[in-house]
Amino acid sequence: MITVARTPGRPGLEVEPRVISFRCADGVTLLGHLWSRPGASAVVIVNSATGVLARYYHRYASFLAEHGLEVITYDYREIGESRPDDLRRCDFRWSDWGTKDFAAVFAAAERLADGRPILVVGHSIGGFLPGLAPGFDRCAAFLSVGGQFAYYRDYARDSRIANVLKWHVVMPALTAVLGYFPGRGLGWLEDLPAGVAFEWAFRGARIEESFPKEQRPEILARLAAFRGPLLAVSATDDPYATLPAIDRALAYYSGADKRVVLVSPGDLGVASIGHFDLFRPKHRDGFWRTTLEWLSERGCSTPLTSFGAASHAKGSKQLAECAYGNTG
């Protein structure tokens, strides 16, 4: 179920968003926004990273809408506008964002699309979890930006110890004491419910092991069922979405037509990119426009040499590209 209501206009957003709500199969209600213009050729769902508010992606969503796409953003359960009054009373897990939250949003997007293609842009965990939802094989194209599921051995070597201590020692310890993770107060993303924090902290190398044994075959089958184009993009200085992390995640999408692109800061004319920078407005004329072209072509085009910023369009861009094909 999807409910739409108009929200006041916001300065700087060319397409005015409307508030939307989604009803999940277990009764949880999610809140989000819809960017829409008459004649939109497809519907795009934008999935957030862990502990990142959906509004972080609003300018990117508006940009896509300005160029003929209808766009949905939303907050996962227990995050942002979907947050309940007391996180201590929540027993939801990280995987619920895929099996329940994204599943509800995807089903609503299909009704909204009324036969038009459904495209997905996911960041970080949002660039992996769509395949956990039933029916994701009906997605027309999937753009995964920094997509992985935070297995600690895949973190970049130069920051691995610090990130292990931060996310796999301090985070679960504080969560055990407080009943939730106070990320906002620490300046470490948003607050997280205990189930999400613990699943992140203690997840192993195999994602299916986060599920009960009887559910694992179905989860693996869902991930493998997607057979459309999957473009995985990451930065060379991303401490989380390293090549081993991307490879680990993409191995589950064994049926997809997969391609990986690594973008260096020099390709975009910036000093650093990291895990979050690609969704900032300064990349509107470079990364944003290139992804718009890819989405508009439903993943059929490969504009991989135009990721650089406009002022560096004719410069040297060393993009590390690997075409996976359907071999898994």
C-alpha atoms as a PDB file:
ATOM      1  CA  MET A   1       0.000   0.000   0.000  1.00  0.00           C
ATOM      2  CA  ILE A   2       1.254   3.483  -0.833  1.00  0.00           C
ATOM      3  CA  THR A   3      -0.184   6.747   0.409  1.00  0.00           C
ATOM      4  CA  VAL A   4       0.825  10.104  -1.119  1.00  0.00           C
ATOM      5  CA  ALA A   5       0.488  13.581   0.390  1.00  0.00           C
ATOM      6  CA  ARG A   6       1.949  16.885  -0.769  1.00  0.00           C
ATOM      7  CA  THR A   7       4.755  18.423   1.263  1.00  0.00           C
ATOM      8  CA  PRO A   8       5.768  22.116   1.286  1.00  0.00           C
ATOM      9  CA  GLY A   9       8.275  23.098  -1.382  1.00  0.00           C
ATOM     10  CA  ARG A  10      11.952  23.170  -0.487  1.00  0.00           C
ATOM     11  CA  PRO A  11      14.417  25.755  -1.783  1.00  0.00           C
ATOM     12  CA  GLY A  12      16.858  24.389  -4.327  1.00  0.00           C
ATOM     13  CA  LEU A  13      14.789  21.383  -5.355  1.00  0.00           C
ATOM     14  CA  GLU A  14      13.568  21.813  -8.927  1.00  0.00           C
ATOM     15  CA  VAL A  15      10.939  19.074  -8.645  1.00  0.00           C
ATOM     16  CA  GLU A  16       8.762  19.365  -5.559  1.00  0.00           C
ATOM     17  CA  PRO A  17       8.568  16.099  -3.587  1.00  0.00           C
ATOM     18  CA  ARG A  18       5.477  14.641  -1.993  1.00  0.00           C
ATOM     19  CA  VAL A  19       5.367  12.650   1.239  1.00  0.00           C
ATOM     20  CA  ILE A  20       4.592   8.975   0.741  1.00  0.00           C
ATOM     21  CA  SER A  21       4.011   6.083   3.108  1.00  0.00           C
ATOM     22  CA  PHE A  22       4.343   2.347   2.616  1.00  0.00           C
ATOM     23  CA  ARG A  23       2.722  -0.463   4.583  1.00  0.00           C
ATOM     24  CA  CYS A  24       4.979  -3.486   5.033  1.00  0.00           C
ATOM     25  CA  ALA A  25       3.668  -7.042   5.222  1.00  0.00           C
ATOM     26  CA  ASP A  26       4.273  -7.151   8.990  1.00  0.00           C
ATOM     27  CA  GLY A  27       2.302  -3.938   9.584  1.00  0.00           C
ATOM     28  CA  VAL A  28       5.234  -1.525   9.878  1.00  0.00           C
ATOM     29  CA  THR A  29       4.718   1.830   8.136  1.00  0.00           C
ATOM     30  CA  LEU A  30       7.597   3.534   6.338  1.00  0.00           C
ATOM     31  CA  LEU A  31       7.759   7.165   5.279  1.00  0.00           C
ATOM     32  CA  GLY A  32       9.461   8.580   2.229  1.00  0.00           C
ATOM     33  CA  HIS A  33       9.157  11.025  -0.660  1.00  0.00           C
ATOM     34  CA  LEU A  34       8.114  10.882  -4.293  1.00  0.00           C
ATOM     35  CA  TRP A  35       9.519  13.102  -7.060  1.00  0.00           C
ATOM     36  CA  SER A  36       7.225  13.038 -10.048  1.00  0.00           C
ATOM     37  CA  ARG A  37       6.703  14.851 -13.337  1.00  0.00           C
ATOM     38  CA  PRO A  38       4.197  14.075 -16.086  1.00  0.00           C
ATOM     39  CA  GLY A  39       5.571  11.734 -18.700  1.00  0.00           C
ATOM     40  CA  ALA A  40       8.264  10.119 -16.542  1.00  0.00           C
ATOM     41  CA  SER A  41       9.668   7.135 -18.434  1.00  0.00           C
ATOM     42  CA  ALA A  42      10.469   4.917 -15.456  1.00  0.00           C
ATOM     43  CA  VAL A  43      10.309   4.705 -11.655  1.00  0.00           C
ATOM     44  CA  VAL A  44      13.560   4.757  -9.659  1.00  0.00           C
ATOM     45  CA  ILE A  45      13.860   3.575  -6.046  1.00  0.00           C
ATOM     46  CA  VAL A  46      16.803   4.986  -4.066  1.00  0.00           C
ATOM     47  CA  ASN A  47      18.022   2.830  -1.165  1.00  0.00           C
ATOM     48  CA  SER A  48      20.010   4.442   1.635  1.00  0.00           C
ATOM     49  CA  ALA A  49      23.159   3.301   3.388  1.00  0.00           C
ATOM     50  CA  THR A  50      22.985   2.042   6.968  1.00  0.00           C
ATOM     51  CA  GLY A  51      22.229   4.821   9.435  1.00  0.00           C
ATOM     52  CA  VAL A  52      21.902   7.451   6.693  1.00  0.00           C
ATOM     53  CA  LEU A  53      18.726   9.504   6.371  1.00  0.00           C
ATOM     54  CA  ALA A  54      16.891   9.306   3.064  1.00  0.00           C
ATOM     55  CA  ARG A  55      17.083  13.080   2.765  1.00  0.00           C
ATOM     56  CA  TYR A  56      20.822  12.748   2.107  1.00  0.00           C
ATOM     57  CA  TYR A  57      19.833  11.514  -1.358  1.00  0.00           C
ATOM     58  CA  HIS A  58      17.104  14.084  -2.037  1.00  0.00           C
ATOM     59  CA  ARG A  59      19.120  16.305  -4.345  1.00  0.00           C
ATOM     60  CA  TYR A  60      20.174  13.298  -6.396  1.00  0.00           C
ATOM     61  CA  ALA A  61      16.530  12.188  -6.532  1.00  0.00           C
ATOM     62  CA  SER A  62      15.470  15.654  -7.640  1.00  0.00           C
ATOM     63  CA  PHE A  63      18.165  15.636 -10.322  1.00  0.00           C
ATOM     64  CA  LEU A  64      16.872  12.340 -11.735  1.00  0.00           C
ATOM     65  CA  ALA A  65      13.311  13.665 -11.653  1.00  0.00           C
ATOM     66  CA  GLU A  66      14.347  16.834 -13.505  1.00  0.00           C
ATOM     67  CA  HIS A  67      15.507  14.581 -16.326  1.00  0.00           C
ATOM     68  CA  GLY A  68      12.403  12.473 -16.809  1.00  0.00           C
ATOM     69  CA  LEU A  69      12.429   9.818 -14.095  1.00  0.00           C
ATOM     70  CA  GLU A  70       9.960   9.335 -11.242  1.00  0.00           C
ATOM     71  CA  VAL A  71      11.892   8.784  -8.017  1.00  0.00           C
ATOM     72  CA  ILE A  72      11.112   7.277  -4.612  1.00  0.00           C
ATOM     73  CA  THR A  73      13.251   7.752  -1.499  1.00  0.00           C
ATOM     74  CA  TYR A  74      12.344   6.285   1.892  1.00  0.00           C
ATOM     75  CA  ASP A  75      13.694   5.683   5.367  1.00  0.00           C
ATOM     76  CA  TYR A  76      14.089   2.108   6.542  1.00  0.00           C
ATOM     77  CA  ARG A  77      12.174   1.047   9.622  1.00  0.00           C
ATOM     78  CA  GLU A  78      13.598   2.651  12.789  1.00  0.00           C
ATOM     79  CA  ILE A  79      15.518   5.286  10.794  1.00  0.00           C
ATOM     80  CA  GLY A  80      14.719   8.961  10.135  1.00  0.00           C
ATOM     81  CA  GLU A  81      11.073   9.626   9.362  1.00  0.00           C
ATOM     82  CA  SER A  82      10.261   5.937   9.871  1.00  0.00           C
ATOM     83  CA  ARG A  83      11.714   5.947  13.388  1.00  0.00           C
ATOM     84  CA  PRO A  84       9.471   5.002  16.337  1.00  0.00           C
ATOM     85  CA  ASP A  85       9.499   6.862  19.633  1.00  0.00           C
ATOM     86  CA  ASP A  86      11.696   4.333  21.458  1.00  0.00           C
ATOM     87  CA  LEU A  87      14.335   2.274  19.659  1.00  0.00           C
ATOM     88  CA  ARG A  88      14.815   0.133  22.752  1.00  0.00           C
ATOM     89  CA  ARG A  89      11.472  -1.539  22.069  1.00  0.00           C
ATOM     90  CA  CYS A  90      12.375  -2.530  18.524  1.00  0.00           C
ATOM     91  CA  ASP A  91      13.530  -6.032  17.702  1.00  0.00           C
ATOM     92  CA  PHE A  92      13.975  -5.668  13.945  1.00  0.00           C
ATOM     93  CA  ARG A  93      17.133  -6.688  12.138  1.00  0.00           C
ATOM     94  CA  TRP A  94      19.283  -5.403   9.282  1.00  0.00           C
ATOM     95  CA  SER A  95      17.968  -8.056   6.918  1.00  0.00           C
ATOM     96  CA  ASP A  96      14.382  -6.833   7.482  1.00  0.00           C
ATOM     97  CA  TRP A  97      15.272  -3.749   5.426  1.00  0.00           C
ATOM     98  CA  GLY A  98      15.519  -6.022   2.387  1.00  0.00           C
ATOM     99  CA  THR A  99      12.991  -8.775   2.989  1.00  0.00           C
ATOM    100  CA  LYS A 100      10.268  -6.451   4.323  1.00  0.00           C
ATOM    101  CA  ASP A 101      10.996  -2.746   3.749  1.00  0.00           C
ATOM    102  CA  PHE A 102      12.387  -2.842   0.234  1.00  0.00           C
ATOM    103  CA  ALA A 103       9.864  -5.522  -0.669  1.00  0.00           C
ATOM    104  CA  ALA A 104       7.008  -3.168   0.275  1.00  0.00           C
ATOM    105  CA  VAL A 105       8.519  -0.219  -1.587  1.00  0.00           C
ATOM    106  CA  PHE A 106       9.210  -2.291  -4.703  1.00  0.00           C
ATOM    107  CA  ALA A 107       5.651  -3.619  -4.771  1.00  0.00           C
ATOM    108  CA  ALA A 108       4.290  -0.079  -4.403  1.00  0.00           C
ATOM    109  CA  ALA A 109       6.624   1.161  -7.141  1.00  0.00           C
ATOM    110  CA  GLU A 110       5.285  -1.485  -9.500  1.00  0.00           C
ATOM    111  CA  ARG A 111       1.742  -0.295  -8.916  1.00  0.00           C
ATOM    112  CA  LEU A 112       2.827   3.301  -9.420  1.00  0.00           C
ATOM    113  CA  ALA A 113       4.755   2.441 -12.585  1.00  0.00           C
ATOM    114  CA  ASP A 114       1.784   0.730 -14.207  1.00  0.00           C
ATOM    115  CA  GLY A 115       3.927  -1.143 -16.693  1.00  0.00           C
ATOM    116  CA  ARG A 116       6.882   1.261 -16.853  1.00  0.00           C
ATOM    117  CA  PRO A 117      10.339  -0.077 -15.888  1.00  0.00           C
ATOM    118  CA  ILE A 118      11.439  -0.129 -12.240  1.00  0.00           C
ATOM    119  CA  LEU A 119      15.071   0.889 -11.652  1.00  0.00           C
ATOM    120  CA  VAL A 120      16.983   0.745  -8.370  1.00  0.00           C
ATOM    121  CA  VAL A 121      19.878   2.847  -7.090  1.00  0.00           C
ATOM    122  CA  GLY A 122      21.361   1.541  -3.860  1.00  0.00           C
ATOM    123  CA  HIS A 123      24.130   2.917  -1.661  1.00  0.00           C
ATOM    124  CA  SER A 124      26.245   0.735   0.638  1.00  0.00           C
ATOM    125  CA  ILE A 125      23.968  -1.928   2.198  1.00  0.00           C
ATOM    126  CA  GLY A 126      21.219  -0.424   0.035  1.00  0.00           C
ATOM    127  CA  GLY A 127      23.272  -1.557  -2.947  1.00  0.00           C
ATOM    128  CA  PHE A 128      23.055  -5.172  -1.815  1.00  0.00           C
ATOM    129  CA  LEU A 129      19.749  -5.755  -0.029  1.00  0.00           C
ATOM    130  CA  PRO A 130      17.294  -5.452  -2.987  1.00  0.00           C
ATOM    131  CA  GLY A 131      17.923  -9.071  -3.939  1.00  0.00           C
ATOM    132  CA  LEU A 132      16.645 -10.197  -0.546  1.00  0.00           C
ATOM    133  CA  ALA A 133      13.118  -9.161  -1.559  1.00  0.00           C
ATOM    134  CA  PRO A 134      10.758 -11.455  -3.466  1.00  0.00           C
ATOM    135  CA  GLY A 135      10.075 -10.223  -6.982  1.00  0.00           C
ATOM    136  CA  PHE A 136      13.285  -8.249  -7.431  1.00  0.00           C
ATOM    137  CA  ASP A 137      13.903 -10.240 -10.610  1.00  0.00           C
ATOM    138  CA  ARG A 138      11.350  -7.890 -12.207  1.00  0.00           C
ATOM    139  CA  CYS A 139      13.696  -4.908 -11.748  1.00  0.00           C
ATOM    140  CA  ALA A 140      14.872  -3.517 -15.095  1.00  0.00           C
ATOM    141  CA  ALA A 141      18.335  -2.320 -13.971  1.00  0.00           C
ATOM    142  CA  PHE A 142      20.270  -2.029 -10.712  1.00  0.00           C
ATOM    143  CA  LEU A 143      22.928   0.598  -9.933  1.00  0.00           C
ATOM    144  CA  SER A 144      24.911  -0.302  -6.808  1.00  0.00           C
ATOM    145  CA  VAL A 145      27.119   2.484  -5.404  1.00  0.00           C
ATOM    146  CA  GLY A 146      29.576   1.250  -2.788  1.00  0.00           C
ATOM    147  CA  GLY A 147      27.385  -1.835  -2.401  1.00  0.00           C
ATOM    148  CA  GLN A 148      28.526  -4.502   0.079  1.00  0.00           C
ATOM    149  CA  PHE A 149      27.440  -5.958   3.427  1.00  0.00           C
ATOM    150  CA  ALA A 150      30.262  -4.869   5.737  1.00  0.00           C
ATOM    151  CA  TYR A 151      32.225  -8.045   6.337  1.00  0.00           C
ATOM    152  CA  TYR A 152      35.136  -6.805   8.405  1.00  0.00           C
ATOM    153  CA  ARG A 153      37.902  -8.707   6.579  1.00  0.00           C
ATOM    154  CA  ASP A 154      37.021  -6.813   3.412  1.00  0.00           C
ATOM    155  CA  TYR A 155      37.629  -3.360   4.905  1.00  0.00           C
ATOM    156  CA  ALA A 156      40.561  -1.428   3.429  1.00  0.00           C
ATOM    157  CA  ARG A 157      43.791  -2.467   5.105  1.00  0.00           C
ATOM    158  CA  ASP A 158      44.909   1.016   6.096  1.00  0.00           C
ATOM    159  CA  SER A 159      41.737   1.629   8.147  1.00  0.00           C
ATOM    160  CA  ARG A 160      40.668  -1.917   8.990  1.00  0.00           C
ATOM    161  CA  ILE A 161      41.779  -1.933  12.629  1.00  0.00           C
ATOM    162  CA  ALA A 162      40.103   1.404  13.343  1.00  0.00           C
ATOM    163  CA  ASN A 163      36.854   0.337  11.680  1.00  0.00           C
ATOM    164  CA  VAL A 164      36.836  -3.037  13.377  1.00  0.00           C
ATOM    165  CA  LEU A 165      37.217  -1.344  16.748  1.00  0.00           C
ATOM    166  CA  LYS A 166      34.533   1.213  15.882  1.00  0.00           C
ATOM    167  CA  TRP A 167      31.832  -1.012  14.371  1.00  0.00           C
ATOM    168  CA  HIS A 168      32.605  -4.452  15.773  1.00  0.00           C
ATOM    169  CA  VAL A 169      33.769  -3.633  19.310  1.00  0.00           C
ATOM    170  CA  VAL A 170      32.519  -0.226  20.451  1.00  0.00           C
ATOM    171  CA  MET A 171      29.174  -0.342  18.632  1.00  0.00           C
ATOM    172  CA  PRO A 172      27.993  -3.717  20.002  1.00  0.00           C
ATOM    173  CA  ALA A 173      29.329  -2.905  23.482  1.00  0.00           C
ATOM    174  CA  LEU A 174      27.390   0.364  23.678  1.00  0.00           C
ATOM    175  CA  THR A 175      24.335  -1.313  22.210  1.00  0.00           C
ATOM    176  CA  ALA A 176      24.429  -4.060  24.829  1.00  0.00           C
ATOM    177  CA  VAL A 177      24.513  -1.457  27.605  1.00  0.00           C
ATOM    178  CA  LEU A 178      21.965   1.034  26.217  1.00  0.00           C
ATOM    179  CA  GLY A 179      19.595  -1.225  24.310  1.00  0.00           C
ATOM    180  CA  TYR A 180      20.268   0.635  21.050  1.00  0.00           C
ATOM    181  CA  PHE A 181      23.266   2.215  19.333  1.00  0.00           C
ATOM    182  CA  PRO A 182      23.489   6.004  19.946  1.00  0.00           C
ATOM    183  CA  GLY A 183      25.163   6.780  16.624  1.00  0.00           C
ATOM    184  CA  ARG A 184      23.815  10.315  16.279  1.00  0.00           C
ATOM    185  CA  GLY A 185      25.213  11.417  19.631  1.00  0.00           C
ATOM    186  CA  LEU A 186      28.620  10.060  18.697  1.00  0.00           C
ATOM    187  CA  GLY A 187      28.551  11.599  15.242  1.00  0.00           C
ATOM    188  CA  TRP A 188      28.624   8.079  13.774  1.00  0.00           C
ATOM    189  CA  LEU A 189      25.643   8.111  11.423  1.00  0.00           C
ATOM    190  CA  GLU A 190      22.111   7.787  12.886  1.00  0.00           C
ATOM    191  CA  ASP A 191      20.953   5.853  15.934  1.00  0.00           C
ATOM    192  CA  LEU A 192      20.425   2.156  15.212  1.00  0.00           C
ATOM    193  CA  PRO A 193      18.186  -0.441  16.873  1.00  0.00           C
ATOM    194  CA  ALA A 194      19.978  -3.261  18.652  1.00  0.00           C
ATOM    195  CA  GLY A 195      19.097  -5.874  16.048  1.00  0.00           C
ATOM    196  CA  VAL A 196      20.645  -3.852  13.232  1.00  0.00           C
ATOM    197  CA  ALA A 197      23.764  -2.988  15.221  1.00  0.00           C
ATOM    198  CA  PHE A 198      24.368  -6.567  16.324  1.00  0.00           C
ATOM    199  CA  GLU A 199      23.767  -8.032  12.870  1.00  0.00           C
ATOM    200  CA  TRP A 200      26.315  -5.612  11.416  1.00  0.00           C
ATOM    201  CA  ALA A 201      28.838  -6.216  14.203  1.00  0.00           C
ATOM    202  CA  PHE A 202      28.693 -10.009  14.162  1.00  0.00           C
ATOM    203  CA  ARG A 203      27.942 -10.832  10.528  1.00  0.00           C
ATOM    204  CA  GLY A 204      30.262 -13.369   8.933  1.00  0.00           C
ATOM    205  CA  ALA A 205      31.482 -13.859   5.399  1.00  0.00           C
ATOM    206  CA  ARG A 206      28.227 -15.463   4.206  1.00  0.00           C
ATOM    207  CA  ILE A 207      25.093 -13.302   4.165  1.00  0.00           C
ATOM    208  CA  GLU A 208      22.702 -16.259   4.272  1.00  0.00           C
ATOM    209  CA  GLU A 209      24.040 -17.237   7.676  1.00  0.00           C
ATOM    210  CA  SER A 210      22.187 -14.206   9.062  1.00  0.00           C
ATOM    211  CA  PHE A 211      18.952 -16.098   8.373  1.00  0.00           C
ATOM    212  CA  PRO A 212      17.497 -19.253   9.952  1.00  0.00           C
ATOM    213  CA  LYS A 213      18.657 -22.406   8.156  1.00  0.00           C
ATOM    214  CA  GLU A 214      15.242 -23.139   6.705  1.00  0.00           C
ATOM    215  CA  GLN A 215      15.149 -19.712   4.994  1.00  0.00           C
ATOM    216  CA  ARG A 216      18.617 -19.801   3.449  1.00  0.00           C
ATOM    217  CA  PRO A 217      17.800 -21.640   0.199  1.00  0.00           C
ATOM    218  CA  GLU A 218      15.016 -19.150  -0.574  1.00  0.00           C
ATOM    219  CA  ILE A 219      17.262 -16.153   0.157  1.00  0.00           C
ATOM    220  CA  LEU A 220      19.992 -17.468  -2.125  1.00  0.00           C
ATOM    221  CA  ALA A 221      17.454 -18.183  -4.857  1.00  0.00           C
ATOM    222  CA  ARG A 222      16.069 -14.639  -4.669  1.00  0.00           C
ATOM    223  CA  LEU A 223      19.523 -13.096  -5.010  1.00  0.00           C
ATOM    224  CA  ALA A 224      20.405 -15.301  -7.961  1.00  0.00           C
ATOM    225  CA  ALA A 225      17.060 -14.687  -9.724  1.00  0.00           C
ATOM    226  CA  PHE A 226      17.866 -11.132 -10.862  1.00  0.00           C
ATOM    227  CA  ARG A 227      19.071 -11.351 -14.457  1.00  0.00           C
ATOM    228  CA  GLY A 228      19.157  -7.701 -15.480  1.00  0.00           C
ATOM    229  CA  PRO A 229      22.094  -5.284 -15.794  1.00  0.00           C
ATOM    230  CA  LEU A 230      23.910  -4.552 -12.539  1.00  0.00           C
ATOM    231  CA  LEU A 231      26.469  -1.743 -12.494  1.00  0.00           C
ATOM    232  CA  ALA A 232      28.569  -1.668  -9.317  1.00  0.00           C
ATOM    233  CA  VAL A 233      30.469   1.596  -8.807  1.00  0.00           C
ATOM    234  CA  SER A 234      32.890   2.349  -6.007  1.00  0.00           C
ATOM    235  CA  ALA A 235      35.698   4.756  -5.216  1.00  0.00           C
ATOM    236  CA  THR A 236      39.293   3.637  -5.013  1.00  0.00           C
ATOM    237  CA  ASP A 237      39.550   5.275  -1.569  1.00  0.00           C
ATOM    238  CA  ASP A 238      36.330   3.774  -0.168  1.00  0.00           C
ATOM    239  CA  PRO A 239      37.291   2.071   3.122  1.00  0.00           C
ATOM    240  CA  TYR A 240      34.286  -0.297   3.021  1.00  0.00           C
ATOM    241  CA  ALA A 241      33.422  -1.021  -0.630  1.00  0.00           C
ATOM    242  CA  THR A 242      36.792  -2.465  -1.599  1.00  0.00           C
ATOM    243  CA  LEU A 243      37.120  -4.860  -4.517  1.00  0.00           C
ATOM    244  CA  PRO A 244      36.993  -7.912  -2.214  1.00  0.00           C
ATOM    245  CA  ALA A 245      33.814  -6.528  -0.602  1.00  0.00           C
ATOM    246  CA  ILE A 246      32.218  -5.843  -3.986  1.00  0.00           C
ATOM    247  CA  ASP A 247      33.210  -9.268  -5.294  1.00  0.00           C
ATOM    248  CA  ARG A 248      31.736 -10.920  -2.216  1.00  0.00           C
ATOM    249  CA  ALA A 249      28.424  -9.112  -2.679  1.00  0.00           C
ATOM    250  CA  LEU A 250      28.198  -9.582  -6.454  1.00  0.00           C
ATOM    251  CA  ALA A 251      28.834 -13.309  -6.201  1.00  0.00           C
ATOM    252  CA  TYR A 252      25.301 -13.658  -4.829  1.00  0.00           C
ATOM    253  CA  TYR A 253      23.857 -11.993  -7.955  1.00  0.00           C
ATOM    254  CA  SER A 254      24.997 -14.901 -10.095  1.00  0.00           C
ATOM    255  CA  GLY A 255      22.331 -14.405 -12.749  1.00  0.00           C
ATOM    256  CA  ALA A 256      22.941 -10.695 -13.340  1.00  0.00           C
ATOM    257  CA  ASP A 257      24.787  -9.022 -16.198  1.00  0.00           C
ATOM    258  CA  LYS A 258      27.417  -7.491 -13.928  1.00  0.00           C
ATOM    259  CA  ARG A 259      29.954  -4.756 -14.448  1.00  0.00           C
ATOM    260  CA  VAL A 260      32.256  -3.084 -11.904  1.00  0.00           C
ATOM    261  CA  VAL A 261      33.737   0.400 -12.201  1.00  0.00           C
ATOM    262  CA  LEU A 262      36.241   1.900  -9.770  1.00  0.00           C
ATOM    263  CA  VAL A 263      36.477   5.679  -9.781  1.00  0.00           C
ATOM    264  CA  SER A 264      39.518   7.466  -8.363  1.00  0.00           C
ATOM    265  CA  PRO A 265      39.419  10.985  -6.868  1.00  0.00           C
ATOM    266  CA  GLY A 266      41.550  12.148  -9.787  1.00  0.00           C
ATOM    267  CA  ASP A 267      38.880  10.956 -12.233  1.00  0.00           C
ATOM    268  CA  LEU A 268      36.472  13.439 -10.665  1.00  0.00           C
ATOM    269  CA  GLY A 269      38.945  16.219  -9.984  1.00  0.00           C
ATOM    270  CA  VAL A 270      38.597  15.986  -6.198  1.00  0.00           C
ATOM    271  CA  ALA A 271      40.969  15.233  -3.336  1.00  0.00           C
ATOM    272  CA  SER A 272      38.919  12.332  -1.959  1.00  0.00           C
ATOM    273  CA  ILE A 273      35.659  10.452  -2.461  1.00  0.00           C
ATOM    274  CA  GLY A 274      35.411   7.835   0.264  1.00  0.00           C
ATOM    275  CA  HIS A 275      32.136   6.051   0.952  1.00  0.00           C
ATOM    276  CA  PHE A 276      29.694   8.979   0.812  1.00  0.00           C
ATOM    277  CA  ASP A 277      30.887  11.721  -1.515  1.00  0.00           C
ATOM    278  CA  LEU A 278      29.352  10.549  -4.809  1.00  0.00           C
ATOM    279  CA  PHE A 279      25.857  11.627  -3.767  1.00  0.00           C
ATOM    280  CA  ARG A 280      26.919  15.209  -3.039  1.00  0.00           C
ATOM    281  CA  PRO A 281      25.724  17.933  -5.467  1.00  0.00           C
ATOM    282  CA  LYS A 282      29.246  18.770  -6.627  1.00  0.00           C
ATOM    283  CA  HIS A 283      29.081  15.600  -8.728  1.00  0.00           C
ATOM    284  CA  ARG A 284      25.925  16.701 -10.558  1.00  0.00           C
ATOM    285  CA  ASP A 285      27.693  17.284 -13.895  1.00  0.00           C
ATOM    286  CA  GLY A 286      29.911  14.230 -13.643  1.00  0.00           C
ATOM    287  CA  PHE A 287      28.898  11.136 -11.736  1.00  0.00           C
ATOM    288  CA  TRP A 288      25.203  12.069 -11.465  1.00  0.00           C
ATOM    289  CA  ARG A 289      24.832  12.741 -15.174  1.00  0.00           C
ATOM    290  CA  THR A 290      26.622   9.540 -16.124  1.00  0.00           C
ATOM    291  CA  THR A 291      24.419   7.443 -13.867  1.00  0.00           C
ATOM    292  CA  LEU A 292      21.361   9.246 -15.257  1.00  0.00           C
ATOM    293  CA  GLU A 293      22.397   8.168 -18.758  1.00  0.00           C
ATOM    294  CA  TRP A 294      22.883   4.581 -17.621  1.00  0.00           C
ATOM    295  CA  LEU A 295      19.505   4.487 -15.872  1.00  0.00           C
ATOM    296  CA  SER A 296      17.716   6.162 -18.765  1.00  0.00           C
ATOM    297  CA  GLU A 297      19.071   3.475 -21.092  1.00  0.00           C
ATOM    298  CA  ARG A 298      17.982   0.760 -18.607  1.00  0.00           C
ATOM    299  CA  GLY A 299      21.592  -0.326 -18.264  1.00  0.00           C
ATOM    300  CA  CYS A 300      21.921  -1.028 -21.991  1.00  0.00           C
ATOM    301  CA  SER A 301      24.576   1.646 -22.489  1.00  0.00           C
ATOM    302  CA  THR A 302      27.993   1.656 -20.845  1.00  0.00           C
ATOM    303  CA  PRO A 303      28.997   5.329 -20.460  1.00  0.00           C
ATOM    304  CA  LEU A 304      31.944   4.341 -18.307  1.00  0.00           C
ATOM    305  CA  THR A 305      34.413   6.852 -19.657  1.00  0.00           C
ATOM    306  CA  SER A 306      32.345   9.912 -18.668  1.00  0.00           C
ATOM    307  CA  PHE A 307      32.419   9.641 -14.898  1.00  0.00           C
ATOM    308  CA  GLY A 308      34.744  12.623 -14.534  1.00  0.00           C
ATOM    309  CA  ALA A 309      33.573  16.091 -13.594  1.00  0.00           C
ATOM    310  CA  ALA A 310      32.673  18.381 -16.487  1.00  0.00           C
ATOM    311  CA  SER A 311      35.865  20.405 -16.135  1.00  0.00           C
ATOM    312  CA  HIS A 312      37.885  17.216 -16.475  1.00  0.00           C
ATOM    313  CA  ALA A 313      35.852  15.680 -19.297  1.00  0.00           C
ATOM    314  CA  LYS A 314      38.867  15.527 -21.616  1.00  0.00           C
ATOM    315  CA  GLY A 315      41.392  14.646 -18.980  1.00  0.00           C
ATOM    316  CA  SER A 316      42.958  11.322 -18.113  1.00  0.00           C
ATOM    317  CA  LYS A 317      40.504   9.052 -16.318  1.00  0.00           C
ATOM    318  CA  GLN A 318      41.903   5.750 -15.165  1.00  0.00           C
ATOM    319  CA  LEU A 319      38.716   3.782 -14.512  1.00  0.00           C
ATOM    320  CA  ALA A 320      39.356   0.250 -13.349  1.00  0.00           C
ATOM    321  CA  GLU A 321      36.635  -1.691 -15.133  1.00  0.00           C
ATOM    322  CA  CYS A 322      35.767  -5.353 -14.989  1.00  0.00           C
ATOM    323  CA  ALA A 323      32.977  -6.888 -17.063  1.00  0.00           C
ATOM    324  CA  TYR A 324      31.596  -9.870 -15.204  1.00  0.00           C
ATOM    325  CA  GLY A 325      28.929 -11.085 -17.609  1.00  0.00           C
ATOM    326  CA  ASN A 326      26.634 -13.862 -16.336  1.00  0.00           C
ATOM    327  CA  THR A 327      29.318 -16.108 -14.921  1.00  0.00           C
ATOM    328  CA  GLY A 328      28.815 -15.094 -11.284  1.00  0.00           C
END
